[in-house]
Amino acid sequence: MADLKATFEQAVAESKQLPEKPDNMTLLKIYALYKQATAGDVEGKRPGFTDMVGRAKFDAWDALKGKSGEEAMQEYIDLIESLK
């Protein structure tokens, strides 16, 4: 677990230095995997209709409900590796 966490933190740092900015759907997946890995299942109410960005982020994170932190970390690491 300690190795996975260290690798995850390395991937988080690398995500800020990708050669090019990923498309919006990939950015949402990165965000959702990060939130699931660090905070667990989404809580709270879905943002209102006027907050489209917040709503998209909420929905992406909500789609990962039930996924373990370790699984989310590994998927995050794999996704960042594929974008390098």
PDB file of N, CA and C in Angstrom:
ATOM      1  N   MET A   1       0.830  -1.208   0.000  1.00  0.00           N
ATOM      2  CA  MET A   1       0.000   0.000   0.000  1.00  0.00           C
ATOM      3  C   MET A   1       0.862   1.255   0.000  1.00  0.00           C
ATOM      4  N   ALA A   2       1.953   1.246   0.764  1.00  0.00           N
ATOM      5  CA  ALA A   2       2.833   2.421   0.818  1.00  0.00           C
ATOM      6  C   ALA A   2       3.434   2.696  -0.562  1.00  0.00           C
ATOM      7  N   ASP A   3       3.797   1.615  -1.283  1.00  0.00           N
ATOM      8  CA  ASP A   3       4.347   1.782  -2.628  1.00  0.00           C
ATOM      9  C   ASP A   3       3.306   2.374  -3.564  1.00  0.00           C
ATOM     10  N   LEU A   4       2.078   1.886  -3.470  1.00  0.00           N
ATOM     11  CA  LEU A   4       1.004   2.387  -4.321  1.00  0.00           C
ATOM     12  C   LEU A   4       0.770   3.866  -4.049  1.00  0.00           C
ATOM     13  N   LYS A   5       0.745   4.252  -2.774  1.00  0.00           N
ATOM     14  CA  LYS A   5       0.521   5.657  -2.415  1.00  0.00           C
ATOM     15  C   LYS A   5       1.649   6.537  -2.945  1.00  0.00           C
ATOM     16  N   ALA A   6       2.888   6.078  -2.838  1.00  0.00           N
ATOM     17  CA  ALA A   6       4.032   6.849  -3.351  1.00  0.00           C
ATOM     18  C   ALA A   6       3.950   6.975  -4.870  1.00  0.00           C
ATOM     19  N   THR A   7       3.593   5.892  -5.540  1.00  0.00           N
ATOM     20  CA  THR A   7       3.458   5.923  -7.000  1.00  0.00           C
ATOM     21  C   THR A   7       2.316   6.839  -7.406  1.00  0.00           C
ATOM     22  N   PHE A   8       1.222   6.801  -6.632  1.00  0.00           N
ATOM     23  CA  PHE A   8       0.074   7.672  -6.889  1.00  0.00           C
ATOM     24  C   PHE A   8       0.476   9.141  -6.752  1.00  0.00           C
ATOM     25  N   GLU A   9       1.195   9.477  -5.678  1.00  0.00           N
ATOM     26  CA  GLU A   9       1.624  10.859  -5.469  1.00  0.00           C
ATOM     27  C   GLU A   9       2.571  11.316  -6.577  1.00  0.00           C
ATOM     28  N   GLN A  10       3.415  10.407  -7.059  1.00  0.00           N
ATOM     29  CA  GLN A  10       4.298  10.712  -8.189  1.00  0.00           C
ATOM     30  C   GLN A  10       3.467  10.995  -9.445  1.00  0.00           C
ATOM     31  N   ALA A  11       2.426  10.190  -9.673  1.00  0.00           N
ATOM     32  CA  ALA A  11       1.553  10.383 -10.839  1.00  0.00           C
ATOM     33  C   ALA A  11       0.800  11.706 -10.747  1.00  0.00           C
ATOM     34  N   VAL A  12       0.398  12.085  -9.537  1.00  0.00           N
ATOM     35  CA  VAL A  12      -0.284  13.369  -9.343  1.00  0.00           C
ATOM     36  C   VAL A  12       0.659  14.511  -9.751  1.00  0.00           C
ATOM     37  N   ALA A  13       1.915  14.427  -9.322  1.00  0.00           N
ATOM     38  CA  ALA A  13       2.898  15.452  -9.689  1.00  0.00           C
ATOM     39  C   ALA A  13       3.113  15.461 -11.206  1.00  0.00           C
ATOM     40  N   GLU A  14       3.206  14.277 -11.793  1.00  0.00           N
ATOM     41  CA  GLU A  14       3.422  14.180 -13.245  1.00  0.00           C
ATOM     42  C   GLU A  14       2.222  14.667 -14.037  1.00  0.00           C
ATOM     43  N   SER A  15       1.027  14.573 -13.459  1.00  0.00           N
ATOM     44  CA  SER A  15      -0.180  15.000 -14.169  1.00  0.00           C
ATOM     45  C   SER A  15      -0.161  16.498 -14.453  1.00  0.00           C
ATOM     46  N   LYS A  16       0.605  17.235 -13.657  1.00  0.00           N
ATOM     47  CA  LYS A  16       0.689  18.687 -13.845  1.00  0.00           C
ATOM     48  C   LYS A  16       1.731  19.057 -14.898  1.00  0.00           C
ATOM     49  N   GLN A  17       2.476  18.062 -15.397  1.00  0.00           N
ATOM     50  CA  GLN A  17       3.540  18.342 -16.371  1.00  0.00           C
ATOM     51  C   GLN A  17       3.390  17.489 -17.625  1.00  0.00           C
ATOM     52  N   LEU A  18       2.168  17.177 -17.990  1.00  0.00           N
ATOM     53  CA  LEU A  18       1.936  16.392 -19.193  1.00  0.00           C
ATOM     54  C   LEU A  18       2.345  17.207 -20.421  1.00  0.00           C
ATOM     55  N   PRO A  19       2.804  16.532 -21.490  1.00  0.00           N
ATOM     56  CA  PRO A  19       3.251  17.261 -22.681  1.00  0.00           C
ATOM     57  C   PRO A  19       2.153  18.114 -23.311  1.00  0.00           C
ATOM     58  N   GLU A  20       0.915  17.641 -23.278  1.00  0.00           N
ATOM     59  CA  GLU A  20      -0.196  18.464 -23.769  1.00  0.00           C
ATOM     60  C   GLU A  20      -1.411  18.261 -22.882  1.00  0.00           C
ATOM     61  N   LYS A  21      -2.267  19.276 -22.869  1.00  0.00           N
ATOM     62  CA  LYS A  21      -3.456  19.226 -22.008  1.00  0.00           C
ATOM     63  C   LYS A  21      -4.442  18.196 -22.560  1.00  0.00           C
ATOM     64  N   PRO A  22      -4.888  17.265 -21.715  1.00  0.00           N
ATOM     65  CA  PRO A  22      -5.870  16.260 -22.167  1.00  0.00           C
ATOM     66  C   PRO A  22      -7.218  16.903 -22.503  1.00  0.00           C
ATOM     67  N   ASP A  23      -8.043  16.192 -23.269  1.00  0.00           N
ATOM     68  CA  ASP A  23      -9.382  16.703 -23.585  1.00  0.00           C
ATOM     69  C   ASP A  23     -10.245  16.706 -22.320  1.00  0.00           C
ATOM     70  N   ASN A  24     -11.382  17.359 -22.399  1.00  0.00           N
ATOM     71  CA  ASN A  24     -12.234  17.547 -21.217  1.00  0.00           C
ATOM     72  C   ASN A  24     -12.711  16.233 -20.599  1.00  0.00           C
ATOM     73  N   MET A  25     -13.037  15.240 -21.419  1.00  0.00           N
ATOM     74  CA  MET A  25     -13.503  13.962 -20.870  1.00  0.00           C
ATOM     75  C   MET A  25     -12.388  13.275 -20.081  1.00  0.00           C
ATOM     76  N   THR A  26     -11.165  13.366 -20.584  1.00  0.00           N
ATOM     77  CA  THR A  26     -10.022  12.771 -19.879  1.00  0.00           C
ATOM     78  C   THR A  26      -9.752  13.535 -18.590  1.00  0.00           C
ATOM     79  N   LEU A  27      -9.859  14.855 -18.645  1.00  0.00           N
ATOM     80  CA  LEU A  27      -9.671  15.664 -17.434  1.00  0.00           C
ATOM     81  C   LEU A  27     -10.702  15.301 -16.369  1.00  0.00           C
ATOM     82  N   LEU A  28     -11.938  15.065 -16.784  1.00  0.00           N
ATOM     83  CA  LEU A  28     -12.983  14.658 -15.830  1.00  0.00           C
ATOM     84  C   LEU A  28     -12.647  13.312 -15.204  1.00  0.00           C
ATOM     85  N   LYS A  29     -12.127  12.388 -16.022  1.00  0.00           N
ATOM     86  CA  LYS A  29     -11.762  11.065 -15.503  1.00  0.00           C
ATOM     87  C   LYS A  29     -10.610  11.195 -14.512  1.00  0.00           C
ATOM     88  N   ILE A  30      -9.618  12.030 -14.824  1.00  0.00           N
ATOM     89  CA  ILE A  30      -8.495  12.269 -13.913  1.00  0.00           C
ATOM     90  C   ILE A  30      -9.019  12.822 -12.586  1.00  0.00           C
ATOM     91  N   TYR A  31      -9.887  13.829 -12.680  1.00  0.00           N
ATOM     92  CA  TYR A  31     -10.468  14.451 -11.486  1.00  0.00           C
ATOM     93  C   TYR A  31     -11.221  13.418 -10.646  1.00  0.00           C
ATOM     94  N   ALA A  32     -12.088  12.646 -11.312  1.00  0.00           N
ATOM     95  CA  ALA A  32     -12.937  11.686 -10.592  1.00  0.00           C
ATOM     96  C   ALA A  32     -12.096  10.602  -9.923  1.00  0.00           C
ATOM     97  N   LEU A  33     -11.097  10.091 -10.631  1.00  0.00           N
ATOM     98  CA  LEU A  33     -10.240   9.056 -10.039  1.00  0.00           C
ATOM     99  C   LEU A  33      -9.459   9.612  -8.853  1.00  0.00           C
ATOM    100  N   TYR A  34      -8.988  10.858  -8.986  1.00  0.00           N
ATOM    101  CA  TYR A  34      -8.254  11.480  -7.879  1.00  0.00           C
ATOM    102  C   TYR A  34      -9.155  11.622  -6.651  1.00  0.00           C
ATOM    103  N   LYS A  35     -10.353  12.134  -6.863  1.00  0.00           N
ATOM    104  CA  LYS A  35     -11.285  12.339  -5.744  1.00  0.00           C
ATOM    105  C   LYS A  35     -11.684  11.009  -5.109  1.00  0.00           C
ATOM    106  N   GLN A  36     -11.929   9.987  -5.927  1.00  0.00           N
ATOM    107  CA  GLN A  36     -12.309   8.679  -5.390  1.00  0.00           C
ATOM    108  C   GLN A  36     -11.153   8.084  -4.589  1.00  0.00           C
ATOM    109  N   ALA A  37      -9.925   8.265  -5.083  1.00  0.00           N
ATOM    110  CA  ALA A  37      -8.743   7.718  -4.400  1.00  0.00           C
ATOM    111  C   ALA A  37      -8.463   8.436  -3.086  1.00  0.00           C
ATOM    112  N   THR A  38      -8.712   9.746  -3.045  1.00  0.00           N
ATOM    113  CA  THR A  38      -8.348  10.520  -1.861  1.00  0.00           C
ATOM    114  C   THR A  38      -9.497  10.753  -0.889  1.00  0.00           C
ATOM    115  N   ALA A  39     -10.745  10.780  -1.386  1.00  0.00           N
ATOM    116  CA  ALA A  39     -11.874  11.125  -0.517  1.00  0.00           C
ATOM    117  C   ALA A  39     -12.948  10.043  -0.445  1.00  0.00           C
ATOM    118  N   GLY A  40     -12.873   9.030  -1.290  1.00  0.00           N
ATOM    119  CA  GLY A  40     -13.907   7.989  -1.279  1.00  0.00           C
ATOM    120  C   GLY A  40     -15.126   8.406  -2.088  1.00  0.00           C
ATOM    121  N   ASP A  41     -16.241   7.755  -1.811  1.00  0.00           N
ATOM    122  CA  ASP A  41     -17.468   8.021  -2.571  1.00  0.00           C
ATOM    123  C   ASP A  41     -17.927   9.465  -2.417  1.00  0.00           C
ATOM    124  N   VAL A  42     -18.504   9.977  -3.521  1.00  0.00           N
ATOM    125  CA  VAL A  42     -19.014  11.342  -3.524  1.00  0.00           C
ATOM    126  C   VAL A  42     -20.138  11.483  -2.503  1.00  0.00           C
ATOM    127  N   GLU A  43     -20.211  12.649  -1.866  1.00  0.00           N
ATOM    128  CA  GLU A  43     -21.280  12.943  -0.911  1.00  0.00           C
ATOM    129  C   GLU A  43     -21.876  14.297  -1.259  1.00  0.00           C
ATOM    130  N   GLY A  44     -23.023  14.560  -0.701  1.00  0.00           N
ATOM    131  CA  GLY A  44     -23.657  15.852  -0.923  1.00  0.00           C
ATOM    132  C   GLY A  44     -24.606  15.820  -2.104  1.00  0.00           C
ATOM    133  N   LYS A  45     -25.195  16.984  -2.365  1.00  0.00           N
ATOM    134  CA  LYS A  45     -26.174  17.101  -3.439  1.00  0.00           C
ATOM    135  C   LYS A  45     -25.484  17.405  -4.759  1.00  0.00           C
ATOM    136  N   ARG A  46     -26.106  16.959  -5.835  1.00  0.00           N
ATOM    137  CA  ARG A  46     -25.622  17.249  -7.178  1.00  0.00           C
ATOM    138  C   ARG A  46     -25.809  18.744  -7.429  1.00  0.00           C
ATOM    139  N   PRO A  47     -24.773  19.419  -7.981  1.00  0.00           N
ATOM    140  CA  PRO A  47     -24.909  20.858  -8.259  1.00  0.00           C
ATOM    141  C   PRO A  47     -26.078  21.141  -9.198  1.00  0.00           C
ATOM    142  N   GLY A  48     -26.596  22.348  -9.116  1.00  0.00           N
ATOM    143  CA  GLY A  48     -27.755  22.745  -9.907  1.00  0.00           C
ATOM    144  C   GLY A  48     -27.471  22.848 -11.398  1.00  0.00           C
ATOM    145  N   PHE A  49     -28.519  23.033 -12.149  1.00  0.00           N
ATOM    146  CA  PHE A  49     -28.457  23.078 -13.615  1.00  0.00           C
ATOM    147  C   PHE A  49     -27.533  24.175 -14.133  1.00  0.00           C
ATOM    148  N   THR A  50     -27.435  25.274 -13.405  1.00  0.00           N
ATOM    149  CA  THR A  50     -26.629  26.397 -13.875  1.00  0.00           C
ATOM    150  C   THR A  50     -25.123  26.185 -13.674  1.00  0.00           C
ATOM    151  N   ASP A  51     -24.753  25.248 -12.822  1.00  0.00           N
ATOM    152  CA  ASP A  51     -23.337  24.957 -12.569  1.00  0.00           C
ATOM    153  C   ASP A  51     -22.937  23.720 -13.384  1.00  0.00           C
ATOM    154  N   MET A  52     -22.740  23.918 -14.686  1.00  0.00           N
ATOM    155  CA  MET A  52     -22.492  22.773 -15.566  1.00  0.00           C
ATOM    156  C   MET A  52     -21.150  22.095 -15.279  1.00  0.00           C
ATOM    157  N   VAL A  53     -20.123  22.860 -14.944  1.00  0.00           N
ATOM    158  CA  VAL A  53     -18.811  22.278 -14.647  1.00  0.00           C
ATOM    159  C   VAL A  53     -18.889  21.458 -13.363  1.00  0.00           C
ATOM    160  N   GLY A  54     -19.464  22.032 -12.315  1.00  0.00           N
ATOM    161  CA  GLY A  54     -19.614  21.323 -11.055  1.00  0.00           C
ATOM    162  C   GLY A  54     -20.452  20.066 -11.211  1.00  0.00           C
ATOM    163  N   ARG A  55     -21.473  20.175 -12.042  1.00  0.00           N
ATOM    164  CA  ARG A  55     -22.363  19.034 -12.285  1.00  0.00           C
ATOM    165  C   ARG A  55     -21.621  17.915 -13.012  1.00  0.00           C
ATOM    166  N   ALA A  56     -20.824  18.267 -14.006  1.00  0.00           N
ATOM    167  CA  ALA A  56     -20.054  17.267 -14.763  1.00  0.00           C
ATOM    168  C   ALA A  56     -19.040  16.579 -13.850  1.00  0.00           C
ATOM    169  N   LYS A  57     -18.380  17.366 -12.993  1.00  0.00           N
ATOM    170  CA  LYS A  57     -17.413  16.800 -12.050  1.00  0.00           C
ATOM    171  C   LYS A  57     -18.114  15.849 -11.075  1.00  0.00           C
ATOM    172  N   PHE A  58     -19.248  16.277 -10.557  1.00  0.00           N
ATOM    173  CA  PHE A  58     -20.010  15.451  -9.620  1.00  0.00           C
ATOM    174  C   PHE A  58     -20.402  14.127 -10.278  1.00  0.00           C
ATOM    175  N   ASP A  59     -20.937  14.210 -11.506  1.00  0.00           N
ATOM    176  CA  ASP A  59     -21.394  13.012 -12.212  1.00  0.00           C
ATOM    177  C   ASP A  59     -20.234  12.054 -12.492  1.00  0.00           C
ATOM    178  N   ALA A  60     -19.081  12.590 -12.886  1.00  0.00           N
ATOM    179  CA  ALA A  60     -17.916  11.752 -13.173  1.00  0.00           C
ATOM    180  C   ALA A  60     -17.467  11.038 -11.902  1.00  0.00           C
ATOM    181  N   TRP A  61     -17.434  11.766 -10.796  1.00  0.00           N
ATOM    182  CA  TRP A  61     -17.025  11.177  -9.515  1.00  0.00           C
ATOM    183  C   TRP A  61     -18.069  10.161  -9.041  1.00  0.00           C
ATOM    184  N   ASP A  62     -19.346  10.518  -9.182  1.00  0.00           N
ATOM    185  CA  ASP A  62     -20.440   9.646  -8.745  1.00  0.00           C
ATOM    186  C   ASP A  62     -20.427   8.317  -9.506  1.00  0.00           C
ATOM    187  N   ALA A  63     -19.958   8.324 -10.745  1.00  0.00           N
ATOM    188  CA  ALA A  63     -19.908   7.106 -11.558  1.00  0.00           C
ATOM    189  C   ALA A  63     -18.921   6.083 -10.980  1.00  0.00           C
ATOM    190  N   LEU A  64     -18.014   6.532 -10.122  1.00  0.00           N
ATOM    191  CA  LEU A  64     -17.014   5.638  -9.526  1.00  0.00           C
ATOM    192  C   LEU A  64     -17.424   5.132  -8.145  1.00  0.00           C
ATOM    193  N   LYS A  65     -18.643   5.442  -7.734  1.00  0.00           N
ATOM    194  CA  LYS A  65     -19.113   5.046  -6.401  1.00  0.00           C
ATOM    195  C   LYS A  65     -18.900   3.554  -6.163  1.00  0.00           C
ATOM    196  N   GLY A  66     -18.322   3.222  -5.012  1.00  0.00           N
ATOM    197  CA  GLY A  66     -18.088   1.836  -4.665  1.00  0.00           C
ATOM    198  C   GLY A  66     -16.693   1.338  -5.010  1.00  0.00           C
ATOM    199  N   LYS A  67     -15.975   2.077  -5.855  1.00  0.00           N
ATOM    200  CA  LYS A  67     -14.610   1.674  -6.223  1.00  0.00           C
ATOM    201  C   LYS A  67     -13.686   1.956  -5.046  1.00  0.00           C
ATOM    202  N   SER A  68     -12.806   1.012  -4.724  1.00  0.00           N
ATOM    203  CA  SER A  68     -11.908   1.205  -3.582  1.00  0.00           C
ATOM    204  C   SER A  68     -10.862   2.271  -3.898  1.00  0.00           C
ATOM    205  N   GLY A  69     -10.309   2.854  -2.851  1.00  0.00           N
ATOM    206  CA  GLY A  69      -9.262   3.862  -3.015  1.00  0.00           C
ATOM    207  C   GLY A  69      -8.063   3.301  -3.761  1.00  0.00           C
ATOM    208  N   GLU A  70      -7.696   2.046  -3.455  1.00  0.00           N
ATOM    209  CA  GLU A  70      -6.547   1.417  -4.116  1.00  0.00           C
ATOM    210  C   GLU A  70      -6.803   1.237  -5.607  1.00  0.00           C
ATOM    211  N   GLU A  71      -8.018   0.787  -5.957  1.00  0.00           N
ATOM    212  CA  GLU A  71      -8.367   0.622  -7.374  1.00  0.00           C
ATOM    213  C   GLU A  71      -8.306   1.959  -8.098  1.00  0.00           C
ATOM    214  N   ALA A  72      -8.862   2.997  -7.474  1.00  0.00           N
ATOM    215  CA  ALA A  72      -8.874   4.321  -8.090  1.00  0.00           C
ATOM    216  C   ALA A  72      -7.447   4.846  -8.258  1.00  0.00           C
ATOM    217  N   MET A  73      -6.601   4.626  -7.255  1.00  0.00           N
ATOM    218  CA  MET A  73      -5.204   5.058  -7.362  1.00  0.00           C
ATOM    219  C   MET A  73      -4.514   4.372  -8.538  1.00  0.00           C
ATOM    220  N   GLN A  74      -4.711   3.056  -8.664  1.00  0.00           N
ATOM    221  CA  GLN A  74      -4.049   2.308  -9.742  1.00  0.00           C
ATOM    222  C   GLN A  74      -4.550   2.775 -11.103  1.00  0.00           C
ATOM    223  N   GLU A  75      -5.856   3.004 -11.242  1.00  0.00           N
ATOM    224  CA  GLU A  75      -6.405   3.486 -12.515  1.00  0.00           C
ATOM    225  C   GLU A  75      -5.878   4.878 -12.832  1.00  0.00           C
ATOM    226  N   TYR A  76      -5.752   5.731 -11.809  1.00  0.00           N
ATOM    227  CA  TYR A  76      -5.205   7.070 -11.991  1.00  0.00           C
ATOM    228  C   TYR A  76      -3.774   6.979 -12.511  1.00  0.00           C
ATOM    229  N   ILE A  77      -2.964   6.143 -11.860  1.00  0.00           N
ATOM    230  CA  ILE A  77      -1.560   5.955 -12.260  1.00  0.00           C
ATOM    231  C   ILE A  77      -1.487   5.486 -13.718  1.00  0.00           C
ATOM    232  N   ASP A  78      -2.301   4.484 -14.062  1.00  0.00           N
ATOM    233  CA  ASP A  78      -2.300   3.942 -15.422  1.00  0.00           C
ATOM    234  C   ASP A  78      -2.716   5.002 -16.445  1.00  0.00           C
ATOM    235  N   LEU A  79      -3.717   5.802 -16.094  1.00  0.00           N
ATOM    236  CA  LEU A  79      -4.199   6.842 -17.009  1.00  0.00           C
ATOM    237  C   LEU A  79      -3.120   7.892 -17.244  1.00  0.00           C
ATOM    238  N   ILE A  80      -2.466   8.359 -16.191  1.00  0.00           N
ATOM    239  CA  ILE A  80      -1.406   9.367 -16.334  1.00  0.00           C
ATOM    240  C   ILE A  80      -0.256   8.793 -17.172  1.00  0.00           C
ATOM    241  N   GLU A  81       0.105   7.537 -16.917  1.00  0.00           N
ATOM    242  CA  GLU A  81       1.173   6.893 -17.705  1.00  0.00           C
ATOM    243  C   GLU A  81       0.813   6.877 -19.197  1.00  0.00           C
ATOM    244  N   SER A  82      -0.457   6.609 -19.494  1.00  0.00           N
ATOM    245  CA  SER A  82      -0.881   6.521 -20.910  1.00  0.00           C
ATOM    246  C   SER A  82      -0.865   7.893 -21.589  1.00  0.00           C
ATOM    247  N   LEU A  83      -0.886   8.973 -20.818  1.00  0.00           N
ATOM    248  CA  LEU A  83      -0.931  10.323 -21.391  1.00  0.00           C
ATOM    249  C   LEU A  83       0.456  10.926 -21.577  1.00  0.00           C
ATOM    250  N   LYS A  84       1.476  10.270 -21.060  1.00  0.00           N
ATOM    251  CA  LYS A  84       2.842  10.812 -21.172  1.00  0.00           C
ATOM    252  C   LYS A  84       3.377  10.684 -22.589  1.00  0.00           C
TER     253      LYS A  84
END
